[in-house]
């Protein structure tokens, strides 16, 4: 018998403001989902900012380094999601 110990992660990025005007502040949400079958360990989500976009804040403790915003999720159980 073989046991699958992999976790399959999916990431979605959504916004309520699809058409942003220069100088306008906008918010987007990144959701990571573990489709299983196992828990995912040491999950870190990263998102590279496009040229001309600046980072202001993140609700869940994201940090900016060299134009890349990252969030440490940690362990994400199978069939769970984090935003």
PDB file of N, CA and C in Angstrom:
ATOM      1  N   UNK A   1       0.845  -1.162   0.000  1.00  0.00           N
ATOM      2  CA  UNK A   1       0.000   0.000   0.000  1.00  0.00           C
ATOM      3  C   UNK A   1       0.900   1.237   0.000  1.00  0.00           C
ATOM      4  N   UNK A   2       0.509   2.249  -0.757  1.00  0.00           N
ATOM      5  CA  UNK A   2       1.232   3.513  -0.808  1.00  0.00           C
ATOM      6  C   UNK A   2       0.346   4.611  -0.240  1.00  0.00           C
ATOM      7  N   UNK A   3       0.913   5.424   0.637  1.00  0.00           N
ATOM      8  CA  UNK A   3       0.174   6.536   1.233  1.00  0.00           C
ATOM      9  C   UNK A   3       0.691   7.831   0.619  1.00  0.00           C
ATOM     10  N   UNK A   4      -0.221   8.645   0.096  1.00  0.00           N
ATOM     11  CA  UNK A   4       0.149   9.931  -0.491  1.00  0.00           C
ATOM     12  C   UNK A   4       0.324  10.948   0.624  1.00  0.00           C
ATOM     13  N   UNK A   5       1.531  11.479   0.785  1.00  0.00           N
ATOM     14  CA  UNK A   5       1.803  12.435   1.862  1.00  0.00           C
ATOM     15  C   UNK A   5       1.962  13.858   1.339  1.00  0.00           C
ATOM     16  N   UNK A   6       1.559  14.085   0.113  1.00  0.00           N
ATOM     17  CA  UNK A   6       1.710  15.417  -0.479  1.00  0.00           C
ATOM     18  C   UNK A   6       0.513  16.299  -0.159  1.00  0.00           C
ATOM     19  N   UNK A   7       0.768  17.582  -0.162  1.00  0.00           N
ATOM     20  CA  UNK A   7      -0.305  18.566  -0.048  1.00  0.00           C
ATOM     21  C   UNK A   7      -0.381  19.305  -1.377  1.00  0.00           C
ATOM     22  N   UNK A   8      -1.585  19.509  -1.868  1.00  0.00           N
ATOM     23  CA  UNK A   8      -1.785  20.239  -3.112  1.00  0.00           C
ATOM     24  C   UNK A   8      -2.358  21.605  -2.773  1.00  0.00           C
ATOM     25  N   UNK A   9      -1.565  22.655  -3.010  1.00  0.00           N
ATOM     26  CA  UNK A   9      -1.991  24.008  -2.666  1.00  0.00           C
ATOM     27  C   UNK A   9      -2.472  24.752  -3.905  1.00  0.00           C
ATOM     28  N   UNK A  10      -3.499  25.577  -3.715  1.00  0.00           N
ATOM     29  CA  UNK A  10      -4.012  26.449  -4.773  1.00  0.00           C
ATOM     30  C   UNK A  10      -4.053  27.870  -4.232  1.00  0.00           C
ATOM     31  N   UNK A  11      -3.732  28.837  -5.076  1.00  0.00           N
ATOM     32  CA  UNK A  11      -3.734  30.237  -4.658  1.00  0.00           C
ATOM     33  C   UNK A  11      -4.640  31.033  -5.588  1.00  0.00           C
ATOM     34  N   UNK A  12      -5.471  31.896  -4.990  1.00  0.00           N
ATOM     35  CA  UNK A  12      -6.343  32.790  -5.756  1.00  0.00           C
ATOM     36  C   UNK A  12      -6.131  34.215  -5.270  1.00  0.00           C
ATOM     37  N   UNK A  13      -6.075  35.152  -6.214  1.00  0.00           N
ATOM     38  CA  UNK A  13      -5.923  36.576  -5.883  1.00  0.00           C
ATOM     39  C   UNK A  13      -7.132  37.302  -6.450  1.00  0.00           C
ATOM     40  N   UNK A  14      -7.873  37.987  -5.574  1.00  0.00           N
ATOM     41  CA  UNK A  14      -9.093  38.669  -5.992  1.00  0.00           C
ATOM     42  C   UNK A  14      -9.083  40.120  -5.520  1.00  0.00           C
ATOM     43  N   UNK A  15      -9.846  40.946  -6.210  1.00  0.00           N
ATOM     44  CA  UNK A  15     -10.005  42.338  -5.817  1.00  0.00           C
ATOM     45  C   UNK A  15     -11.413  42.798  -6.150  1.00  0.00           C
ATOM     46  N   UNK A  16     -11.906  43.751  -5.375  1.00  0.00           N
ATOM     47  CA  UNK A  16     -13.209  44.353  -5.651  1.00  0.00           C
ATOM     48  C   UNK A  16     -13.050  45.531  -6.613  1.00  0.00           C
ATOM     49  N   UNK A  17     -11.798  45.885  -6.940  1.00  0.00           N
ATOM     50  CA  UNK A  17     -11.507  47.030  -7.803  1.00  0.00           C
ATOM     51  C   UNK A  17     -10.695  46.556  -9.008  1.00  0.00           C
ATOM     52  N   UNK A  18     -11.355  45.995 -10.033  1.00  0.00           N
ATOM     53  CA  UNK A  18     -10.598  45.444 -11.160  1.00  0.00           C
ATOM     54  C   UNK A  18      -9.913  46.502 -12.032  1.00  0.00           C
ATOM     55  N   UNK A  19     -10.434  47.720 -12.054  1.00  0.00           N
ATOM     56  CA  UNK A  19      -9.854  48.791 -12.870  1.00  0.00           C
ATOM     57  C   UNK A  19      -9.338  49.885 -11.957  1.00  0.00           C
ATOM     58  N   UNK A  20      -8.053  49.880 -11.709  1.00  0.00           N
ATOM     59  CA  UNK A  20      -7.434  50.824 -10.781  1.00  0.00           C
ATOM     60  C   UNK A  20      -6.923  52.033 -11.554  1.00  0.00           C
ATOM     61  N   UNK A  21      -7.154  53.220 -10.986  1.00  0.00           N
ATOM     62  CA  UNK A  21      -6.683  54.471 -11.558  1.00  0.00           C
ATOM     63  C   UNK A  21      -5.361  54.832 -10.884  1.00  0.00           C
ATOM     64  N   UNK A  22      -4.428  55.403 -11.637  1.00  0.00           N
ATOM     65  CA  UNK A  22      -3.132  55.808 -11.085  1.00  0.00           C
ATOM     66  C   UNK A  22      -3.349  56.692  -9.863  1.00  0.00           C
ATOM     67  N   UNK A  23      -2.656  56.365  -8.780  1.00  0.00           N
ATOM     68  CA  UNK A  23      -2.758  57.121  -7.531  1.00  0.00           C
ATOM     69  C   UNK A  23      -3.855  56.634  -6.599  1.00  0.00           C
ATOM     70  N   UNK A  24      -4.705  55.744  -7.071  1.00  0.00           N
ATOM     71  CA  UNK A  24      -5.807  55.219  -6.270  1.00  0.00           C
ATOM     72  C   UNK A  24      -5.319  54.074  -5.378  1.00  0.00           C
ATOM     73  N   UNK A  25      -5.801  54.049  -4.145  1.00  0.00           N
ATOM     74  CA  UNK A  25      -5.504  52.938  -3.237  1.00  0.00           C
ATOM     75  C   UNK A  25      -6.488  51.812  -3.532  1.00  0.00           C
ATOM     76  N   UNK A  26      -5.987  50.592  -3.600  1.00  0.00           N
ATOM     77  CA  UNK A  26      -6.865  49.445  -3.811  1.00  0.00           C
ATOM     78  C   UNK A  26      -6.426  48.302  -2.908  1.00  0.00           C
ATOM     79  N   UNK A  27      -7.330  47.370  -2.725  1.00  0.00           N
ATOM     80  CA  UNK A  27      -7.087  46.218  -1.860  1.00  0.00           C
ATOM     81  C   UNK A  27      -7.304  44.945  -2.662  1.00  0.00           C
ATOM     82  N   UNK A  28      -6.435  43.965  -2.439  1.00  0.00           N
ATOM     83  CA  UNK A  28      -6.697  42.652  -3.002  1.00  0.00           C
ATOM     84  C   UNK A  28      -6.480  41.600  -1.922  1.00  0.00           C
ATOM     85  N   UNK A  29      -7.101  40.458  -2.134  1.00  0.00           N
ATOM     86  CA  UNK A  29      -7.052  39.365  -1.170  1.00  0.00           C
ATOM     87  C   UNK A  29      -6.411  38.154  -1.829  1.00  0.00           C
ATOM     88  N   UNK A  30      -5.469  37.556  -1.122  1.00  0.00           N
ATOM     89  CA  UNK A  30      -4.856  36.312  -1.585  1.00  0.00           C
ATOM     90  C   UNK A  30      -5.319  35.197  -0.653  1.00  0.00           C
ATOM     91  N   UNK A  31      -5.856  34.143  -1.250  1.00  0.00           N
ATOM     92  CA  UNK A  31      -6.322  32.990  -0.485  1.00  0.00           C
ATOM     93  C   UNK A  31      -5.536  31.762  -0.920  1.00  0.00           C
ATOM     94  N   UNK A  32      -4.957  31.071   0.041  1.00  0.00           N
ATOM     95  CA  UNK A  32      -4.267  29.813  -0.248  1.00  0.00           C
ATOM     96  C   UNK A  32      -5.118  28.687   0.330  1.00  0.00           C
ATOM     97  N   UNK A  33      -5.376  27.671  -0.498  1.00  0.00           N
ATOM     98  CA  UNK A  33      -6.218  26.540  -0.107  1.00  0.00           C
ATOM     99  C   UNK A  33      -5.405  25.257  -0.208  1.00  0.00           C
ATOM    100  N   UNK A  34      -5.491  24.425   0.822  1.00  0.00           N
ATOM    101  CA  UNK A  34      -4.836  23.122   0.800  1.00  0.00           C
ATOM    102  C   UNK A  34      -5.866  22.086   0.372  1.00  0.00           C
ATOM    103  N   UNK A  35      -5.726  21.600  -0.852  1.00  0.00           N
ATOM    104  CA  UNK A  35      -6.641  20.585  -1.372  1.00  0.00           C
ATOM    105  C   UNK A  35      -6.237  19.174  -0.966  1.00  0.00           C
ATOM    106  N   UNK A  36      -5.247  19.067  -0.073  1.00  0.00           N
ATOM    107  CA  UNK A  36      -4.871  17.789   0.516  1.00  0.00           C
ATOM    108  C   UNK A  36      -4.063  16.918  -0.413  1.00  0.00           C
ATOM    109  N   UNK A  37      -3.928  15.683  -0.045  1.00  0.00           N
ATOM    110  CA  UNK A  37      -4.615  15.028   1.055  1.00  0.00           C
ATOM    111  C   UNK A  37      -3.957  15.232   2.418  1.00  0.00           C
ATOM    112  N   UNK A  38      -2.759  15.774   2.455  1.00  0.00           N
ATOM    113  CA  UNK A  38      -2.049  15.923   3.730  1.00  0.00           C
ATOM    114  C   UNK A  38      -1.966  17.384   4.140  1.00  0.00           C
ATOM    115  N   UNK A  39      -1.613  17.618   5.398  1.00  0.00           N
ATOM    116  CA  UNK A  39      -1.357  18.976   5.871  1.00  0.00           C
ATOM    117  C   UNK A  39      -0.119  19.523   5.161  1.00  0.00           C
ATOM    118  N   UNK A  40      -0.107  20.824   4.912  1.00  0.00           N
ATOM    119  CA  UNK A  40       1.064  21.487   4.333  1.00  0.00           C
ATOM    120  C   UNK A  40       1.827  22.162   5.466  1.00  0.00           C
ATOM    121  N   UNK A  41       3.124  21.972   5.488  1.00  0.00           N
ATOM    122  CA  UNK A  41       3.971  22.518   6.550  1.00  0.00           C
ATOM    123  C   UNK A  41       4.773  23.702   6.024  1.00  0.00           C
ATOM    124  N   UNK A  42       5.060  24.650   6.885  1.00  0.00           N
ATOM    125  CA  UNK A  42       5.931  25.791   6.584  1.00  0.00           C
ATOM    126  C   UNK A  42       5.507  26.536   5.316  1.00  0.00           C
ATOM    127  N   UNK A  43       4.213  26.818   5.211  1.00  0.00           N
ATOM    128  CA  UNK A  43       3.681  27.507   4.034  1.00  0.00           C
ATOM    129  C   UNK A  43       4.012  28.997   4.111  1.00  0.00           C
ATOM    130  N   UNK A  44       4.595  29.508   3.041  1.00  0.00           N
ATOM    131  CA  UNK A  44       4.860  30.937   2.896  1.00  0.00           C
ATOM    132  C   UNK A  44       4.303  31.354   1.539  1.00  0.00           C
ATOM    133  N   UNK A  45       3.461  32.377   1.530  1.00  0.00           N
ATOM    134  CA  UNK A  45       2.876  32.895   0.296  1.00  0.00           C
ATOM    135  C   UNK A  45       3.638  34.153  -0.094  1.00  0.00           C
ATOM    136  N   UNK A  46       4.030  34.246  -1.363  1.00  0.00           N
ATOM    137  CA  UNK A  46       4.716  35.442  -1.843  1.00  0.00           C
ATOM    138  C   UNK A  46       3.979  36.004  -3.051  1.00  0.00           C
ATOM    139  N   UNK A  47       4.069  37.324  -3.206  1.00  0.00           N
ATOM    140  CA  UNK A  47       3.436  37.996  -4.335  1.00  0.00           C
ATOM    141  C   UNK A  47       4.325  39.156  -4.769  1.00  0.00           C
ATOM    142  N   UNK A  48       4.844  39.088  -5.986  1.00  0.00           N
ATOM    143  CA  UNK A  48       5.690  40.161  -6.514  1.00  0.00           C
ATOM    144  C   UNK A  48       4.806  41.313  -6.977  1.00  0.00           C
ATOM    145  N   UNK A  49       5.109  42.509  -6.504  1.00  0.00           N
ATOM    146  CA  UNK A  49       4.337  43.684  -6.896  1.00  0.00           C
ATOM    147  C   UNK A  49       4.736  44.133  -8.301  1.00  0.00           C
ATOM    148  N   UNK A  50       3.744  44.473  -9.120  1.00  0.00           N
ATOM    149  CA  UNK A  50       4.065  44.999 -10.452  1.00  0.00           C
ATOM    150  C   UNK A  50       4.752  46.364 -10.345  1.00  0.00           C
ATOM    151  N   UNK A  51       5.477  46.742 -11.377  1.00  0.00           N
ATOM    152  CA  UNK A  51       6.125  48.055 -11.410  1.00  0.00           C
ATOM    153  C   UNK A  51       5.072  49.144 -11.216  1.00  0.00           C
ATOM    154  N   UNK A  52       5.386  50.124 -10.389  1.00  0.00           N
ATOM    155  CA  UNK A  52       4.479  51.238 -10.156  1.00  0.00           C
ATOM    156  C   UNK A  52       3.497  51.030  -9.025  1.00  0.00           C
ATOM    157  N   UNK A  53       3.471  49.837  -8.445  1.00  0.00           N
ATOM    158  CA  UNK A  53       2.571  49.548  -7.321  1.00  0.00           C
ATOM    159  C   UNK A  53       3.380  49.591  -6.035  1.00  0.00           C
ATOM    160  N   UNK A  54       2.837  50.244  -5.023  1.00  0.00           N
ATOM    161  CA  UNK A  54       3.523  50.294  -3.731  1.00  0.00           C
ATOM    162  C   UNK A  54       2.687  49.595  -2.668  1.00  0.00           C
ATOM    163  N   UNK A  55       3.364  49.015  -1.712  1.00  0.00           N
ATOM    164  CA  UNK A  55       2.738  48.265  -0.620  1.00  0.00           C
ATOM    165  C   UNK A  55       2.473  49.203   0.548  1.00  0.00           C
ATOM    166  N   UNK A  56       1.226  49.198   1.052  1.00  0.00           N
ATOM    167  CA  UNK A  56       0.897  50.026   2.211  1.00  0.00           C
ATOM    168  C   UNK A  56       0.755  49.205   3.477  1.00  0.00           C
ATOM    169  N   UNK A  57       0.003  48.112   3.430  1.00  0.00           N
ATOM    170  CA  UNK A  57      -0.195  47.297   4.629  1.00  0.00           C
ATOM    171  C   UNK A  57      -0.835  45.961   4.261  1.00  0.00           C
ATOM    172  N   UNK A  58      -0.814  45.050   5.229  1.00  0.00           N
ATOM    173  CA  UNK A  58      -1.466  43.750   5.083  1.00  0.00           C
ATOM    174  C   UNK A  58      -2.168  43.427   6.390  1.00  0.00           C
ATOM    175  N   UNK A  59      -3.395  42.933   6.288  1.00  0.00           N
ATOM    176  CA  UNK A  59      -4.177  42.615   7.488  1.00  0.00           C
ATOM    177  C   UNK A  59      -3.574  41.488   8.310  1.00  0.00           C
ATOM    178  N   UNK A  60      -2.873  40.582   7.667  1.00  0.00           N
ATOM    179  CA  UNK A  60      -2.392  39.393   8.377  1.00  0.00           C
ATOM    180  C   UNK A  60      -0.877  39.361   8.516  1.00  0.00           C
ATOM    181  N   UNK A  61      -0.260  40.522   8.620  1.00  0.00           N
ATOM    182  CA  UNK A  61       1.162  40.567   8.929  1.00  0.00           C
ATOM    183  C   UNK A  61       2.106  40.359   7.773  1.00  0.00           C
ATOM    184  N   UNK A  62       1.688  40.648   6.566  1.00  0.00           N
ATOM    185  CA  UNK A  62       2.588  40.532   5.429  1.00  0.00           C
ATOM    186  C   UNK A  62       3.731  41.524   5.538  1.00  0.00           C
ATOM    187  N   UNK A  63       4.838  41.196   4.902  1.00  0.00           N
ATOM    188  CA  UNK A  63       5.988  42.097   4.919  1.00  0.00           C
ATOM    189  C   UNK A  63       6.538  42.246   3.506  1.00  0.00           C
ATOM    190  N   UNK A  64       7.163  43.395   3.256  1.00  0.00           N
ATOM    191  CA  UNK A  64       7.706  43.706   1.935  1.00  0.00           C
ATOM    192  C   UNK A  64       9.221  43.607   1.959  1.00  0.00           C
ATOM    193  N   UNK A  65       9.788  42.947   0.934  1.00  0.00           N
ATOM    194  CA  UNK A  65      11.238  42.883   0.786  1.00  0.00           C
ATOM    195  C   UNK A  65      11.560  42.883  -0.702  1.00  0.00           C
ATOM    196  N   UNK A  66      12.197  43.937  -1.168  1.00  0.00           N
ATOM    197  CA  UNK A  66      12.624  44.024  -2.567  1.00  0.00           C
ATOM    198  C   UNK A  66      11.482  43.855  -3.566  1.00  0.00           C
ATOM    199  N   UNK A  67      10.333  44.457  -3.290  1.00  0.00           N
ATOM    200  CA  UNK A  67       9.208  44.392  -4.209  1.00  0.00           C
ATOM    201  C   UNK A  67       8.380  43.131  -4.121  1.00  0.00           C
ATOM    202  N   UNK A  68       8.663  42.281  -3.142  1.00  0.00           N
ATOM    203  CA  UNK A  68       7.902  41.042  -2.956  1.00  0.00           C
ATOM    204  C   UNK A  68       7.270  41.064  -1.571  1.00  0.00           C
ATOM    205  N   UNK A  69       5.949  40.894  -1.539  1.00  0.00           N
ATOM    206  CA  UNK A  69       5.226  40.813  -0.273  1.00  0.00           C
ATOM    207  C   UNK A  69       5.120  39.339   0.095  1.00  0.00           C
ATOM    208  N   UNK A  70       5.380  39.005   1.364  1.00  0.00           N
ATOM    209  CA  UNK A  70       5.282  37.606   1.787  1.00  0.00           C
ATOM    210  C   UNK A  70       4.543  37.492   3.113  1.00  0.00           C
ATOM    211  N   UNK A  71       3.849  36.381   3.265  1.00  0.00           N
ATOM    212  CA  UNK A  71       3.091  36.063   4.470  1.00  0.00           C
ATOM    213  C   UNK A  71       3.448  34.652   4.894  1.00  0.00           C
ATOM    214  N   UNK A  72       3.717  34.475   6.166  1.00  0.00           N
ATOM    215  CA  UNK A  72       3.965  33.139   6.694  1.00  0.00           C
ATOM    216  C   UNK A  72       2.652  32.577   7.211  1.00  0.00           C
ATOM    217  N   UNK A  73       2.210  31.503   6.592  1.00  0.00           N
ATOM    218  CA  UNK A  73       0.976  30.826   6.996  1.00  0.00           C
ATOM    219  C   UNK A  73       1.298  29.759   8.032  1.00  0.00           C
ATOM    220  N   UNK A  74       2.446  29.098   7.880  1.00  0.00           N
ATOM    221  CA  UNK A  74       2.799  28.003   8.783  1.00  0.00           C
ATOM    222  C   UNK A  74       2.168  26.715   8.302  1.00  0.00           C
ATOM    223  N   UNK A  75       1.542  25.986   9.206  1.00  0.00           N
ATOM    224  CA  UNK A  75       0.877  24.734   8.849  1.00  0.00           C
ATOM    225  C   UNK A  75      -0.534  25.023   8.364  1.00  0.00           C
ATOM    226  N   UNK A  76      -0.885  24.443   7.230  1.00  0.00           N
ATOM    227  CA  UNK A  76      -2.232  24.578   6.679  1.00  0.00           C
ATOM    228  C   UNK A  76      -2.800  23.175   6.527  1.00  0.00           C
ATOM    229  N   UNK A  77      -3.791  22.876   7.340  1.00  0.00           N
ATOM    230  CA  UNK A  77      -4.384  21.536   7.347  1.00  0.00           C
ATOM    231  C   UNK A  77      -5.071  21.239   6.014  1.00  0.00           C
ATOM    232  N   UNK A  78      -5.166  19.961   5.698  1.00  0.00           N
ATOM    233  CA  UNK A  78      -5.867  19.539   4.488  1.00  0.00           C
ATOM    234  C   UNK A  78      -7.306  20.036   4.536  1.00  0.00           C
ATOM    235  N   UNK A  79      -7.821  20.457   3.388  1.00  0.00           N
ATOM    236  CA  UNK A  79      -9.184  20.961   3.226  1.00  0.00           C
ATOM    237  C   UNK A  79      -9.426  22.289   3.946  1.00  0.00           C
ATOM    238  N   UNK A  80      -8.363  23.027   4.242  1.00  0.00           N
ATOM    239  CA  UNK A  80      -8.490  24.332   4.906  1.00  0.00           C
ATOM    240  C   UNK A  80      -7.916  25.411   4.005  1.00  0.00           C
ATOM    241  N   UNK A  81      -8.254  26.667   4.344  1.00  0.00           N
ATOM    242  CA  UNK A  81      -7.724  27.799   3.590  1.00  0.00           C
ATOM    243  C   UNK A  81      -7.314  28.912   4.526  1.00  0.00           C
ATOM    244  N   UNK A  82      -6.490  29.806   4.015  1.00  0.00           N
ATOM    245  CA  UNK A  82      -6.038  30.963   4.779  1.00  0.00           C
ATOM    246  C   UNK A  82      -6.022  32.163   3.843  1.00  0.00           C
ATOM    247  N   UNK A  83      -6.434  33.341   4.375  1.00  0.00           N
ATOM    248  CA  UNK A  83      -6.412  34.567   3.561  1.00  0.00           C
ATOM    249  C   UNK A  83      -5.547  35.603   4.228  1.00  0.00           C
TER     250      UNK A  83
END
